[in-house]
Amino acid sequence: MTEDELCHPPRVGPSLAGLQASTKRVALYLAVYLPVGFVMNEIGKTLQIAEFANGWQVLTCYGLYLVPCSLIIRHRHWFDQYLFGLLALGLLELGGYSLGTSIAHPDNLLDRVFTERNFALSMVLWFGLYLPAGNHVVGWLARKLGVA
């Protein structure tokens, strides 16, 4: 290995260069992620599993957090996207439940199936799929609509 290679190893993880996307592509991500966020929050409320403390959090979590995360990793293999999603959603879930901005309803379905201690973990494992699934859906729609 050369000295330059030792000091500047090749990037193997996500980079901010992935955020570069056309306005139409970003709009497509928002058109996919925001309705999903509102629907999932309503499902969580209705089934009394979990919900955001404030309705506007769908905009910040799905639009301002998950969309950029998805953009950064969209060119990676689906399993790498899922692994990154586990990290991204793990931090989001941990922060939300620790700060009380996400509310887990007592004795909810996930508590009964996985136990209360594993509630956040089960949420992370499920929502980690959002990034590869979202990238797949947006990619498919972009091809159908001719969006660059």
C-alpha atoms as a PDB file:
ATOM      1  CA  MET A   1       0.000   0.000   0.000  1.00  0.00           C
ATOM      2  CA  THR A   2       1.217   3.458  -0.793  1.00  0.00           C
ATOM      3  CA  GLU A   3       1.373   6.173   1.824  1.00  0.00           C
ATOM      4  CA  ASP A   4      -1.513   7.971   0.095  1.00  0.00           C
ATOM      5  CA  GLU A   5      -3.703   4.840   0.271  1.00  0.00           C
ATOM      6  CA  LEU A   6      -2.965   4.487   3.982  1.00  0.00           C
ATOM      7  CA  CYS A   7      -3.846   8.104   4.712  1.00  0.00           C
ATOM      8  CA  HIS A   8      -6.871   8.234   2.390  1.00  0.00           C
ATOM      9  CA  PRO A   9      -8.545   4.810   2.224  1.00  0.00           C
ATOM     10  CA  PRO A  10     -11.312   4.386  -0.344  1.00  0.00           C
ATOM     11  CA  ARG A  11     -14.828   5.241   0.837  1.00  0.00           C
ATOM     12  CA  VAL A  12     -16.903   2.157   1.444  1.00  0.00           C
ATOM     13  CA  GLY A  13     -19.868   3.713   3.235  1.00  0.00           C
ATOM     14  CA  PRO A  14     -22.549   6.201   2.250  1.00  0.00           C
ATOM     15  CA  SER A  15     -21.412   9.654   1.183  1.00  0.00           C
ATOM     16  CA  LEU A  16     -23.181  12.983   1.008  1.00  0.00           C
ATOM     17  CA  ALA A  17     -22.623  12.974  -2.757  1.00  0.00           C
ATOM     18  CA  GLY A  18     -25.651  10.664  -2.875  1.00  0.00           C
ATOM     19  CA  LEU A  19     -27.843  13.611  -1.879  1.00  0.00           C
ATOM     20  CA  GLN A  20     -27.454  15.035  -5.376  1.00  0.00           C
ATOM     21  CA  ALA A  21     -30.773  14.432  -7.096  1.00  0.00           C
ATOM     22  CA  SER A  22     -33.075  16.297  -9.431  1.00  0.00           C
ATOM     23  CA  THR A  23     -35.903  18.341  -7.968  1.00  0.00           C
ATOM     24  CA  LYS A  24     -38.352  15.933  -9.612  1.00  0.00           C
ATOM     25  CA  ARG A  25     -36.667  12.938  -7.982  1.00  0.00           C
ATOM     26  CA  VAL A  26     -36.799  14.581  -4.535  1.00  0.00           C
ATOM     27  CA  ALA A  27     -40.465  15.466  -5.132  1.00  0.00           C
ATOM     28  CA  LEU A  28     -41.103  11.825  -6.028  1.00  0.00           C
ATOM     29  CA  TYR A  29     -39.456  10.693  -2.773  1.00  0.00           C
ATOM     30  CA  LEU A  30     -41.618  13.123  -0.807  1.00  0.00           C
ATOM     31  CA  ALA A  31     -44.737  11.985  -2.697  1.00  0.00           C
ATOM     32  CA  VAL A  32     -43.984   8.404  -1.628  1.00  0.00           C
ATOM     33  CA  TYR A  33     -42.629   8.861   1.896  1.00  0.00           C
ATOM     34  CA  LEU A  34     -44.992  11.494   3.319  1.00  0.00           C
ATOM     35  CA  PRO A  35     -48.272   9.651   2.638  1.00  0.00           C
ATOM     36  CA  VAL A  36     -46.698   6.451   3.982  1.00  0.00           C
ATOM     37  CA  GLY A  37     -45.673   8.342   7.115  1.00  0.00           C
ATOM     38  CA  PHE A  38     -49.146   9.759   7.722  1.00  0.00           C
ATOM     39  CA  VAL A  39     -50.781   6.377   7.088  1.00  0.00           C
ATOM     40  CA  MET A  40     -48.344   4.521   9.368  1.00  0.00           C
ATOM     41  CA  ASN A  41     -48.848   7.073  12.135  1.00  0.00           C
ATOM     42  CA  GLU A  42     -52.624   6.613  11.856  1.00  0.00           C
ATOM     43  CA  ILE A  43     -52.249   2.810  11.869  1.00  0.00           C
ATOM     44  CA  GLY A  44     -50.092   3.084  14.994  1.00  0.00           C
ATOM     45  CA  LYS A  45     -52.718   5.279  16.678  1.00  0.00           C
ATOM     46  CA  THR A  46     -55.681   3.155  15.602  1.00  0.00           C
ATOM     47  CA  LEU A  47     -54.086  -0.123  16.697  1.00  0.00           C
ATOM     48  CA  GLN A  48     -52.688   1.620  19.790  1.00  0.00           C
ATOM     49  CA  ILE A  49     -49.131   0.509  19.091  1.00  0.00           C
ATOM     50  CA  ALA A  50     -47.234   3.796  18.866  1.00  0.00           C
ATOM     51  CA  GLU A  51     -47.579   7.302  17.471  1.00  0.00           C
ATOM     52  CA  PHE A  52     -45.797  10.599  17.126  1.00  0.00           C
ATOM     53  CA  ALA A  53     -46.524  13.081  19.902  1.00  0.00           C
ATOM     54  CA  ASN A  54     -47.212  15.711  17.216  1.00  0.00           C
ATOM     55  CA  GLY A  55     -48.630  15.269  13.722  1.00  0.00           C
ATOM     56  CA  TRP A  56     -45.978  17.517  12.152  1.00  0.00           C
ATOM     57  CA  GLN A  57     -43.300  14.976  13.128  1.00  0.00           C
ATOM     58  CA  VAL A  58     -44.282  12.950  10.063  1.00  0.00           C
ATOM     59  CA  LEU A  59     -42.913  15.819   7.955  1.00  0.00           C
ATOM     60  CA  THR A  60     -39.635  16.009   9.838  1.00  0.00           C
ATOM     61  CA  CYS A  61     -39.024  12.289  10.292  1.00  0.00           C
ATOM     62  CA  TYR A  62     -40.178  11.059   6.895  1.00  0.00           C
ATOM     63  CA  GLY A  63     -39.507  14.145   4.754  1.00  0.00           C
ATOM     64  CA  LEU A  64     -36.418  15.664   6.346  1.00  0.00           C
ATOM     65  CA  TYR A  65     -34.758  12.529   7.737  1.00  0.00           C
ATOM     66  CA  LEU A  66     -35.771   9.390   5.824  1.00  0.00           C
ATOM     67  CA  VAL A  67     -35.751  10.988   2.363  1.00  0.00           C
ATOM     68  CA  PRO A  68     -32.143  12.246   2.667  1.00  0.00           C
ATOM     69  CA  CYS A  69     -31.090   8.902   4.199  1.00  0.00           C
ATOM     70  CA  SER A  70     -32.678   7.099   1.248  1.00  0.00           C
ATOM     71  CA  LEU A  71     -31.043   9.396  -1.284  1.00  0.00           C
ATOM     72  CA  ILE A  72     -27.591   8.879   0.216  1.00  0.00           C
ATOM     73  CA  ILE A  73     -27.786   5.086  -0.083  1.00  0.00           C
ATOM     74  CA  ARG A  74     -30.043   4.620  -3.115  1.00  0.00           C
ATOM     75  CA  HIS A  75     -27.282   3.231  -5.360  1.00  0.00           C
ATOM     76  CA  ARG A  76     -26.198   0.553  -2.908  1.00  0.00           C
ATOM     77  CA  HIS A  77     -27.253  -3.107  -2.779  1.00  0.00           C
ATOM     78  CA  TRP A  78     -30.636  -3.618  -1.039  1.00  0.00           C
ATOM     79  CA  PHE A  79     -29.069  -5.442   1.924  1.00  0.00           C
ATOM     80  CA  ASP A  80     -26.588  -2.599   2.492  1.00  0.00           C
ATOM     81  CA  GLN A  81     -29.547  -0.208   2.363  1.00  0.00           C
ATOM     82  CA  TYR A  82     -31.337  -2.285   5.004  1.00  0.00           C
ATOM     83  CA  LEU A  83     -28.255  -2.318   7.234  1.00  0.00           C
ATOM     84  CA  PHE A  84     -27.941   1.449   6.941  1.00  0.00           C
ATOM     85  CA  GLY A  85     -31.690   1.692   7.611  1.00  0.00           C
ATOM     86  CA  LEU A  86     -31.221  -0.224  10.858  1.00  0.00           C
ATOM     87  CA  LEU A  87     -28.679   2.360  12.017  1.00  0.00           C
ATOM     88  CA  ALA A  88     -30.705   5.362  10.837  1.00  0.00           C
ATOM     89  CA  LEU A  89     -33.971   4.089  12.305  1.00  0.00           C
ATOM     90  CA  GLY A  90     -32.278   2.852  15.469  1.00  0.00           C
ATOM     91  CA  LEU A  91     -31.064   6.370  16.204  1.00  0.00           C
ATOM     92  CA  LEU A  92     -34.464   7.836  15.322  1.00  0.00           C
ATOM     93  CA  GLU A  93     -36.426   5.361  17.476  1.00  0.00           C
ATOM     94  CA  LEU A  94     -34.027   5.660  20.414  1.00  0.00           C
ATOM     95  CA  GLY A  95     -34.196   9.436  20.294  1.00  0.00           C
ATOM     96  CA  GLY A  96     -37.958   9.558  19.848  1.00  0.00           C
ATOM     97  CA  TYR A  97     -38.806   7.256  22.730  1.00  0.00           C
ATOM     98  CA  SER A  98     -36.110   8.733  25.004  1.00  0.00           C
ATOM     99  CA  LEU A  99     -37.307  12.298  24.423  1.00  0.00           C
ATOM    100  CA  GLY A 100     -40.987  11.369  24.554  1.00  0.00           C
ATOM    101  CA  THR A 101     -41.646  12.651  21.029  1.00  0.00           C
ATOM    102  CA  SER A 102     -42.730   9.140  20.076  1.00  0.00           C
ATOM    103  CA  ILE A 103     -45.303   7.449  22.269  1.00  0.00           C
ATOM    104  CA  ALA A 104     -45.477   3.683  22.721  1.00  0.00           C
ATOM    105  CA  HIS A 105     -48.903   2.657  23.978  1.00  0.00           C
ATOM    106  CA  PRO A 106     -48.793   0.381  27.038  1.00  0.00           C
ATOM    107  CA  ASP A 107     -49.442  -3.328  26.528  1.00  0.00           C
ATOM    108  CA  ASN A 108     -49.542  -2.906  22.744  1.00  0.00           C
ATOM    109  CA  LEU A 109     -49.485  -5.725  20.206  1.00  0.00           C
ATOM    110  CA  LEU A 110     -45.690  -5.637  19.813  1.00  0.00           C
ATOM    111  CA  ASP A 111     -45.214  -5.702  23.591  1.00  0.00           C
ATOM    112  CA  ARG A 112     -47.403  -8.780  23.799  1.00  0.00           C
ATOM    113  CA  VAL A 113     -45.612 -10.575  20.943  1.00  0.00           C
ATOM    114  CA  PHE A 114     -41.989  -9.526  21.538  1.00  0.00           C
ATOM    115  CA  THR A 115     -42.142  -8.244  25.166  1.00  0.00           C
ATOM    116  CA  GLU A 116     -41.891  -4.647  26.295  1.00  0.00           C
ATOM    117  CA  ARG A 117     -38.084  -4.778  26.404  1.00  0.00           C
ATOM    118  CA  ASN A 118     -37.969  -5.600  22.690  1.00  0.00           C
ATOM    119  CA  PHE A 119     -40.520  -3.047  21.495  1.00  0.00           C
ATOM    120  CA  ALA A 120     -38.071  -0.502  20.064  1.00  0.00           C
ATOM    121  CA  LEU A 121     -35.944  -3.270  18.543  1.00  0.00           C
ATOM    122  CA  SER A 122     -38.956  -4.709  16.732  1.00  0.00           C
ATOM    123  CA  MET A 123     -39.826  -1.227  15.459  1.00  0.00           C
ATOM    124  CA  VAL A 124     -36.281  -0.701  14.157  1.00  0.00           C
ATOM    125  CA  LEU A 125     -36.195  -4.083  12.412  1.00  0.00           C
ATOM    126  CA  TRP A 126     -39.492  -3.299  10.664  1.00  0.00           C
ATOM    127  CA  PHE A 127     -38.872   0.356   9.801  1.00  0.00           C
ATOM    128  CA  GLY A 128     -35.317  -0.393   8.657  1.00  0.00           C
ATOM    129  CA  LEU A 129     -36.999  -1.885   5.584  1.00  0.00           C
ATOM    130  CA  TYR A 130     -38.336   1.551   4.654  1.00  0.00           C
ATOM    131  CA  LEU A 131     -35.108   2.669   3.029  1.00  0.00           C
ATOM    132  CA  PRO A 132     -34.622  -0.210   0.577  1.00  0.00           C
ATOM    133  CA  ALA A 133     -38.386  -0.484  -0.023  1.00  0.00           C
ATOM    134  CA  GLY A 134     -38.732   3.265  -0.535  1.00  0.00           C
ATOM    135  CA  ASN A 135     -35.774   3.357  -2.902  1.00  0.00           C
ATOM    136  CA  HIS A 136     -37.251   0.460  -4.868  1.00  0.00           C
ATOM    137  CA  VAL A 137     -40.684   2.098  -5.166  1.00  0.00           C
ATOM    138  CA  VAL A 138     -39.241   5.498  -6.089  1.00  0.00           C
ATOM    139  CA  GLY A 139     -36.883   3.899  -8.640  1.00  0.00           C
ATOM    140  CA  TRP A 140     -39.776   2.007 -10.214  1.00  0.00           C
ATOM    141  CA  LEU A 141     -41.958   5.132 -10.346  1.00  0.00           C
ATOM    142  CA  ALA A 142     -39.084   7.211 -11.729  1.00  0.00           C
ATOM    143  CA  ARG A 143     -38.587   4.738 -14.586  1.00  0.00           C
ATOM    144  CA  LYS A 144     -42.333   4.657 -15.320  1.00  0.00           C
ATOM    145  CA  LEU A 145     -42.591   8.472 -15.236  1.00  0.00           C
ATOM    146  CA  GLY A 146     -39.266   9.163 -16.964  1.00  0.00           C
ATOM    147  CA  VAL A 147     -37.878  11.096 -13.987  1.00  0.00           C
ATOM    148  CA  ALA A 148     -34.101  11.457 -13.895  1.00  0.00           C
END
